[in-house]
Amino acid sequence: MPVLTTDAESETGIPKSLSNEPPSETMEEIEHTCPQPRLTLTAPAPFADETSCQCQAPHEKLTIAQARLGTPVDRPVRVYADGIFDLFHSGHARALMQAKTLFPNSYLLVGVCSDDLTHKFKGFTVMNEAERYEALRHCRYVDEVIRDAPWTLTPEFLEKHKIDFVAHDDIPYSSAGSDDVYKHIKEAGMFVPTQRTEGISTSDIITRIVRDYDVYARRNLQRGYTAKELNVSFINEKKYRFQNQVDKMKEKVKNVEERSKEFVNRVEEKSHDLIQKWEEKSREFIGNFLELFGPDGAWKQMFQERSSRMLQALSPKQSPVSSPTRSRSPSRSPSPTFTWLPNKTSPPSSPKAASASISSMSEGDEDEK
């Protein structure tokens, strides 16, 4: 693809956009050898000093409209985003995602400022520069990380890394004696705005930690950190440890209350089941009782039957007048029969008379013999 060997520059030193008139300089065919966007996420993004762009072909100046149409076709559009990226969070990731997807074929370079530069112009950081570099390397949208990035972008820096556009939120960023450090980038037509994520920022996270400092100090003491490591005084250490013990007791009491509630609920459920079963058994018992002892129960019929049997047993029917005579065997002689004739005389009037009658009866018996 034909490219320009020289570019016109603005007053700030940044190349201006090309005009519609054909360039007067000679043109030569030079193939672009710029690094391509990452196609695999199995390894972290490289650092710029490890894989710097060694392409010898001059980069023609692009407009945003041209880049969105996929121009040029022989190289990716090199987009640059910079920042501190302390306590890397979802707001940072979303901003980088927007920068990566600005154009159909983008190569995202991310510049991270060093600790010295950050402490000088912005303030102290939670993470050191090495930790912040590594956090950016492991973001899926990043193709290349530039360590020790400048606070203000210079033409030399833009030319060295062959940057086409700079992506950042559109809010003026006043720092280092300037009302907006991206002002000259915007004037050169190289600035592409991104949207901030509301509700999340590094300052908000630090504010939460400072606001709940005692909670986090107690948390880390409980996890084994020393008071010296946390920069906590002796008195505060004892106070935090006592509060931890109080919290443990509260937790135990809470657990006991929850268990007791569970036990009570179980007892209520079991008692409800027992009452229900008792009611069912009661109904069954009452039904069986009525079947036996009710007005038409089986017990009444059985009692009547037994009563009639007892009455029949106590008052049997009269036997017949003439009973059949038994046949007598001829070998046996009939036994003599004695007929007792009672004396129809009046009873004796005295004991002497009674004794006289008895003696006369005995004499009569002897005579018969």
Protein backbone atom coordinates (compact mmCIF):
# COMPACT_ATOMS: atom_id res chain seq x y z
CA MET A 1 0.00 0.00 0.00
CA PRO A 2 1.46 3.43 -0.84
CA VAL A 3 2.23 5.49 2.26
CA LEU A 4 3.70 8.92 2.81
CA THR A 5 7.34 9.15 3.75
CA THR A 6 6.88 12.58 5.38
CA ASP A 7 4.02 14.13 7.31
CA ALA A 8 3.06 17.70 7.91
CA GLU A 9 3.02 18.61 11.59
CA SER A 10 0.91 20.98 13.64
CA GLU A 11 2.22 23.64 15.97
CA THR A 12 2.29 21.12 18.80
CA GLY A 13 4.37 18.70 16.78
CA ILE A 14 1.55 16.20 16.22
CA PRO A 15 0.96 15.21 12.54
CA LYS A 16 -2.05 16.85 10.95
CA SER A 17 -4.73 15.03 9.00
CA LEU A 18 -4.10 14.50 5.34
CA SER A 19 -5.85 16.77 2.84
CA ASN A 20 -7.70 15.53 -0.21
CA GLU A 21 -4.95 16.80 -2.52
CA PRO A 22 -2.38 14.23 -3.61
CA PRO A 23 0.95 14.52 -1.81
CA SER A 24 3.80 16.15 -3.63
CA GLU A 25 6.44 13.89 -2.12
CA THR A 26 7.44 10.67 -3.73
CA MET A 27 5.71 7.51 -2.67
CA GLU A 28 7.16 4.10 -2.22
CA GLU A 29 5.82 0.68 -1.44
CA ILE A 30 6.72 -0.39 2.11
CA GLU A 31 4.98 -3.31 3.78
CA HIS A 32 3.61 -2.83 7.29
CA THR A 33 4.94 -5.22 9.94
CA CYS A 34 2.98 -3.88 12.94
CA PRO A 35 2.05 -6.38 15.67
CA GLN A 36 -1.41 -7.83 15.29
CA PRO A 37 -4.06 -7.96 18.01
CA ARG A 38 -3.96 -10.95 20.34
CA LEU A 39 -5.95 -13.91 19.09
CA THR A 40 -5.40 -16.10 22.14
CA LEU A 41 -5.86 -15.41 25.85
CA THR A 42 -3.67 -18.20 27.18
CA ALA A 43 -0.80 -15.77 27.96
CA PRO A 44 -0.62 -12.24 29.37
CA ALA A 45 -0.13 -9.24 27.14
CA PRO A 46 3.53 -8.41 26.39
CA PHE A 47 5.35 -5.27 27.47
CA ALA A 48 6.15 -2.67 24.82
CA ASP A 49 9.92 -2.95 25.33
CA GLU A 50 9.63 -6.70 24.61
CA THR A 51 7.62 -6.38 21.40
CA SER A 52 7.94 -2.81 20.18
CA CYS A 53 6.66 -1.92 16.74
CA GLN A 54 9.62 -2.22 14.36
CA CYS A 55 7.58 -1.38 11.31
CA GLN A 56 9.63 0.83 8.93
CA ALA A 57 6.63 1.94 6.90
CA PRO A 58 5.47 5.44 7.84
CA HIS A 59 1.96 5.53 9.26
CA GLU A 60 -0.37 7.74 7.33
CA LYS A 61 -2.60 9.99 9.35
CA LEU A 62 -6.14 8.57 9.78
CA THR A 63 -9.40 10.25 10.56
CA ILE A 64 -11.91 8.71 12.93
CA ALA A 65 -14.33 8.18 10.03
CA GLN A 66 -11.68 6.32 8.02
CA ALA A 67 -10.75 4.13 10.99
CA ARG A 68 -14.38 3.20 11.60
CA LEU A 69 -14.67 2.07 7.98
CA GLY A 70 -11.82 -0.38 8.49
CA THR A 71 -9.08 1.70 6.87
CA PRO A 72 -6.28 0.79 6.47
CA VAL A 73 -6.65 -2.86 5.61
CA ASP A 74 -3.00 -3.86 5.90
CA ARG A 75 -2.50 -2.93 9.56
CA PRO A 76 -4.56 -2.50 12.73
CA VAL A 77 -5.52 0.90 14.10
CA ARG A 78 -3.24 1.56 17.06
CA VAL A 79 -5.27 2.97 19.98
CA TYR A 80 -3.58 4.24 23.15
CA ALA A 81 -5.15 4.48 26.64
CA ASP A 82 -3.25 5.51 29.75
CA GLY A 83 -3.89 5.79 33.46
CA ILE A 84 -2.80 4.84 36.96
CA PHE A 85 -5.05 1.76 37.25
CA ASP A 86 -4.65 1.48 41.03
CA LEU A 87 -6.87 -1.21 42.57
CA PHE A 88 -7.86 -2.39 39.09
CA HIS A 89 -11.67 -2.68 39.01
CA SER A 90 -14.58 -3.09 36.63
CA GLY A 91 -14.59 0.63 35.71
CA HIS A 92 -11.06 0.30 34.36
CA ALA A 93 -11.97 -2.87 32.45
CA ARG A 94 -15.03 -1.26 30.86
CA ALA A 95 -13.02 1.75 29.72
CA LEU A 96 -10.45 -0.53 28.09
CA MET A 97 -13.22 -2.58 26.49
CA GLN A 98 -14.62 0.60 24.90
CA ALA A 99 -11.18 1.60 23.64
CA LYS A 100 -10.63 -1.85 22.17
CA THR A 101 -13.95 -1.89 20.30
CA LEU A 102 -13.80 1.65 18.87
CA PHE A 103 -12.77 0.38 15.44
CA PRO A 104 -13.18 -2.90 13.54
CA ASN A 105 -9.47 -3.76 13.75
CA SER A 106 -7.83 -2.21 16.81
CA TYR A 107 -4.54 -2.80 18.57
CA LEU A 108 -4.81 -1.47 22.14
CA LEU A 109 -1.71 -0.11 23.87
CA VAL A 110 -2.10 0.77 27.56
CA GLY A 111 0.35 3.10 29.27
CA VAL A 112 0.80 2.83 33.05
CA CYS A 113 2.56 5.61 34.95
CA SER A 114 5.33 4.78 37.41
CA ASP A 115 5.15 5.20 41.18
CA ASP A 116 7.42 8.28 41.20
CA LEU A 117 5.38 10.09 38.59
CA THR A 118 2.06 9.14 40.19
CA HIS A 119 3.10 10.14 43.71
CA LYS A 120 4.34 13.47 42.36
CA PHE A 121 1.23 14.50 40.42
CA LYS A 122 -1.65 12.54 41.92
CA GLY A 123 -0.81 10.99 45.27
CA PHE A 124 0.08 7.77 47.01
CA THR A 125 -1.15 4.49 45.52
CA VAL A 126 -2.25 1.28 47.21
CA MET A 127 -0.60 -0.97 44.63
CA ASN A 128 2.98 -0.44 43.49
CA GLU A 129 3.89 -0.06 39.84
CA ALA A 130 4.85 -3.71 39.32
CA GLU A 131 1.47 -4.87 40.66
CA ARG A 132 -0.33 -2.38 38.44
CA TYR A 133 1.63 -3.49 35.38
CA GLU A 134 0.71 -7.11 35.99
CA ALA A 135 -2.96 -6.26 36.54
CA LEU A 136 -3.09 -4.67 33.07
CA ARG A 137 -1.23 -7.51 31.41
CA HIS A 138 -3.95 -9.94 32.46
CA CYS A 139 -6.85 -7.89 31.09
CA ARG A 140 -8.31 -9.57 28.00
CA TYR A 141 -8.72 -6.30 26.05
CA VAL A 142 -5.07 -5.23 26.31
CA ASP A 143 -2.65 -6.09 23.48
CA GLU A 144 0.45 -4.34 24.84
CA VAL A 145 1.48 -2.63 28.10
CA ILE A 146 3.80 0.38 28.15
CA ARG A 147 5.64 0.75 31.45
CA ASP A 148 6.60 4.15 32.89
CA ALA A 149 4.23 6.01 30.59
CA PRO A 150 4.58 9.83 30.42
CA TRP A 151 2.13 12.04 32.31
CA THR A 152 1.65 14.26 29.25
CA LEU A 153 1.83 12.76 25.78
CA THR A 154 4.57 14.15 23.58
CA PRO A 155 4.96 13.96 19.78
CA GLU A 156 8.05 11.82 20.27
CA PHE A 157 6.11 9.31 22.35
CA LEU A 158 3.27 9.17 19.83
CA GLU A 159 5.72 8.68 16.97
CA LYS A 160 7.76 6.06 18.79
CA HIS A 161 4.74 3.83 19.40
CA LYS A 162 3.01 4.82 16.13
CA ILE A 163 -0.21 5.77 17.93
CA ASP A 164 -3.20 6.66 15.78
CA PHE A 165 -5.74 7.63 18.45
CA VAL A 166 -5.89 8.25 22.19
CA ALA A 167 -8.92 6.96 24.14
CA HIS A 168 -10.03 8.49 27.45
CA ASP A 169 -13.17 9.91 29.05
CA ASP A 170 -14.08 13.37 27.80
CA ILE A 171 -13.93 15.10 31.21
CA PRO A 172 -11.07 17.67 31.22
CA TYR A 173 -8.19 16.22 33.23
CA SER A 174 -6.38 19.07 34.95
CA SER A 175 -2.90 18.18 36.18
CA ALA A 176 0.74 19.22 35.98
CA GLY A 177 -0.19 22.90 35.57
CA SER A 178 -2.57 22.24 32.66
CA ASP A 179 -6.33 22.62 32.54
CA ASP A 180 -6.55 19.52 30.34
CA VAL A 181 -3.58 17.25 29.61
CA TYR A 182 -5.38 15.92 26.52
CA LYS A 183 -6.11 19.35 25.03
CA HIS A 184 -3.44 19.14 22.29
CA ILE A 185 -4.57 15.59 21.44
CA LYS A 186 -8.14 16.80 20.98
CA GLU A 187 -6.97 19.70 18.79
CA ALA A 188 -5.07 17.28 16.57
CA GLY A 189 -8.20 15.13 16.00
CA MET A 190 -6.64 12.09 17.66
CA PHE A 191 -8.86 11.96 20.75
CA VAL A 192 -11.69 9.39 20.99
CA PRO A 193 -13.91 9.70 24.10
CA THR A 194 -15.04 6.78 26.24
CA GLN A 195 -17.72 6.68 28.95
CA ARG A 196 -16.98 6.46 32.67
CA THR A 197 -18.67 3.80 34.79
CA GLU A 198 -20.74 5.43 37.49
CA GLY A 199 -20.57 4.18 41.06
CA ILE A 200 -17.10 2.63 40.90
CA SER A 201 -13.67 4.21 41.10
CA THR A 202 -10.40 3.78 42.97
CA SER A 203 -11.22 6.78 45.17
CA ASP A 204 -14.60 5.25 46.08
CA ILE A 205 -12.95 1.97 47.09
CA ILE A 206 -10.38 3.76 49.26
CA THR A 207 -13.19 5.82 50.83
CA ARG A 208 -15.00 2.63 51.83
CA ILE A 209 -11.86 1.25 53.45
CA VAL A 210 -11.17 4.48 55.35
CA ARG A 211 -14.79 4.75 56.46
CA ASP A 212 -14.81 1.22 57.83
CA TYR A 213 -11.20 1.23 59.00
CA ASP A 214 -11.95 -0.37 62.39
CA VAL A 215 -13.82 -3.23 60.75
CA TYR A 216 -10.96 -4.05 58.39
CA ALA A 217 -8.32 -3.63 61.13
CA ARG A 218 -10.19 -6.10 63.34
CA ARG A 219 -10.65 -8.43 60.36
CA ASN A 220 -6.93 -8.55 59.62
CA LEU A 221 -5.99 -8.91 63.28
CA GLN A 222 -8.29 -11.89 63.43
CA ARG A 223 -6.62 -13.35 60.34
CA GLY A 224 -3.17 -13.27 61.89
CA TYR A 225 -1.70 -9.89 61.01
CA THR A 226 0.23 -8.16 63.76
CA ALA A 227 -0.51 -4.71 65.16
CA LYS A 228 2.84 -3.53 63.82
CA GLU A 229 1.97 -4.63 60.28
CA LEU A 230 -1.36 -2.80 60.53
CA ASN A 231 0.21 0.27 62.19
CA VAL A 232 -2.18 -0.08 65.13
CA SER A 233 -1.35 1.16 68.62
CA PHE A 234 -1.25 -1.16 71.63
CA ILE A 235 -4.49 0.22 73.08
CA ASN A 236 -6.34 -0.05 69.78
CA GLU A 237 -5.06 -3.58 69.34
CA LYS A 238 -6.51 -4.64 72.70
CA LYS A 239 -9.75 -2.84 71.89
CA TYR A 240 -10.06 -4.56 68.53
CA ARG A 241 -9.30 -7.97 69.98
CA PHE A 242 -11.89 -7.43 72.73
CA GLN A 243 -14.44 -6.41 70.10
CA ASN A 244 -13.60 -9.56 68.16
CA GLN A 245 -14.30 -11.66 71.26
CA VAL A 246 -17.59 -9.83 71.80
CA ASP A 247 -18.54 -10.48 68.18
CA LYS A 248 -17.73 -14.17 68.59
CA MET A 249 -19.98 -14.36 71.66
CA LYS A 250 -22.74 -12.59 69.76
CA GLU A 251 -22.35 -15.04 66.93
CA LYS A 252 -22.56 -17.98 69.31
CA VAL A 253 -25.68 -16.56 70.94
CA LYS A 254 -27.19 -15.99 67.51
CA ASN A 255 -26.41 -19.56 66.51
CA VAL A 256 -27.98 -20.87 69.73
CA GLU A 257 -31.10 -18.79 69.11
CA GLU A 258 -31.37 -20.07 65.56
CA ARG A 259 -30.93 -23.65 66.71
CA SER A 260 -33.51 -23.19 69.48
CA LYS A 261 -35.94 -21.75 66.95
CA GLU A 262 -35.35 -24.72 64.70
CA PHE A 263 -35.92 -27.08 67.66
CA VAL A 264 -39.14 -25.31 68.62
CA ASN A 265 -40.34 -25.46 65.03
CA ARG A 266 -39.58 -29.17 64.89
CA VAL A 267 -41.41 -29.78 68.18
CA GLU A 268 -44.40 -27.82 66.91
CA GLU A 269 -44.43 -29.84 63.72
CA LYS A 270 -44.19 -33.12 65.63
CA SER A 271 -46.86 -32.05 68.13
CA HIS A 272 -49.12 -31.10 65.26
CA ASP A 273 -48.55 -34.51 63.72
CA LEU A 274 -49.20 -36.23 67.06
CA ILE A 275 -52.42 -34.30 67.62
CA GLN A 276 -53.57 -35.13 64.13
CA LYS A 277 -52.79 -38.82 64.62
CA TRP A 278 -54.50 -38.75 68.05
CA GLU A 279 -57.62 -37.25 66.49
CA GLU A 280 -57.64 -39.92 63.81
CA LYS A 281 -57.21 -42.68 66.42
CA SER A 282 -59.94 -41.12 68.60
CA ARG A 283 -62.38 -41.09 65.71
CA GLU A 284 -61.50 -44.67 64.93
CA PHE A 285 -61.95 -45.72 68.60
CA ILE A 286 -65.30 -43.94 68.90
CA GLY A 287 -66.52 -45.55 65.68
CA ASN A 288 -65.51 -49.00 66.85
CA PHE A 289 -67.14 -48.39 70.25
CA LEU A 290 -70.41 -47.35 68.64
CA GLU A 291 -70.35 -50.39 66.39
CA LEU A 292 -70.05 -52.62 69.46
CA PHE A 293 -72.16 -50.83 72.08
CA GLY A 294 -74.45 -48.60 70.05
CA PRO A 295 -78.22 -49.03 69.77
CA ASP A 296 -77.78 -51.42 66.87
CA GLY A 297 -74.37 -52.67 67.87
CA ALA A 298 -73.07 -56.20 67.71
CA TRP A 299 -72.69 -56.37 71.52
CA LYS A 300 -76.44 -55.88 72.05
CA GLN A 301 -77.30 -58.70 69.66
CA MET A 302 -74.74 -60.99 71.28
CA PHE A 303 -76.12 -60.12 74.76
CA GLN A 304 -79.66 -60.88 73.68
CA GLU A 305 -78.62 -64.23 72.24
CA ARG A 306 -76.77 -65.18 75.43
CA SER A 307 -79.65 -64.03 77.60
CA SER A 308 -82.11 -66.20 75.72
CA ARG A 309 -79.77 -69.18 76.03
CA MET A 310 -79.45 -68.67 79.79
CA LEU A 311 -83.24 -68.45 80.18
CA GLN A 312 -83.66 -71.66 78.23
CA ALA A 313 -81.07 -73.36 80.42
CA LEU A 314 -82.70 -72.20 83.67
CA SER A 315 -86.28 -73.12 82.69
CA PRO A 316 -86.23 -76.25 80.47
CA LYS A 317 -89.37 -77.72 78.89
CA GLN A 318 -91.47 -80.45 80.86
CA SER A 319 -90.61 -84.11 80.17
CA PRO A 320 -93.34 -86.47 78.69
CA VAL A 321 -95.81 -88.29 81.10
CA SER A 322 -95.23 -91.89 80.00
CA SER A 323 -91.70 -92.90 79.57
CA PRO A 324 -90.82 -96.09 77.74
CA THR A 325 -90.13 -99.11 79.92
CA ARG A 326 -86.80 -100.68 79.74
CA SER A 327 -86.69 -104.38 78.83
CA ARG A 328 -85.48 -106.51 81.59
CA SER A 329 -83.14 -109.36 81.22
CA PRO A 330 -84.74 -112.80 82.04
CA SER A 331 -81.78 -114.06 84.02
CA ARG A 332 -82.16 -111.51 86.76
CA SER A 333 -84.98 -111.77 89.26
CA PRO A 334 -86.90 -108.69 90.10
CA SER A 335 -85.88 -106.96 93.23
CA PRO A 336 -88.48 -106.94 95.95
CA THR A 337 -90.46 -103.82 96.38
CA PHE A 338 -91.26 -102.30 99.67
CA THR A 339 -94.26 -100.18 100.25
CA TRP A 340 -94.02 -97.54 102.93
CA LEU A 341 -97.34 -96.87 104.45
CA PRO A 342 -97.26 -93.92 106.67
CA ASN A 343 -99.06 -94.07 109.93
CA LYS A 344 -102.08 -91.92 109.71
CA THR A 345 -102.48 -91.81 113.49
CA SER A 346 -101.96 -88.55 115.22
CA PRO A 347 -98.57 -87.83 116.61
CA PRO A 348 -97.82 -88.77 120.20
CA SER A 349 -98.69 -86.21 122.68
CA SER A 350 -95.73 -86.94 125.01
CA PRO A 351 -92.25 -88.38 124.89
CA LYS A 352 -93.36 -91.57 126.66
CA ALA A 353 -96.00 -92.24 124.09
CA ALA A 354 -93.43 -91.65 121.35
CA SER A 355 -91.03 -94.19 122.83
CA ALA A 356 -93.87 -96.76 123.22
CA SER A 357 -94.78 -96.42 119.59
CA ILE A 358 -91.18 -96.88 118.47
CA SER A 359 -90.83 -100.09 120.58
CA SER A 360 -94.06 -101.51 119.16
CA MET A 361 -92.75 -100.83 115.64
CA SER A 362 -89.57 -102.71 116.35
CA GLU A 363 -91.46 -105.71 117.74
CA GLY A 364 -93.60 -105.87 114.68
CA ASP A 365 -90.49 -106.01 112.51
CA GLU A 366 -89.09 -108.91 114.49
CA ASP A 367 -92.38 -110.87 114.09
CA GLU A 368 -92.21 -110.47 110.33
CA LYS A 369 -88.79 -112.00 110.30
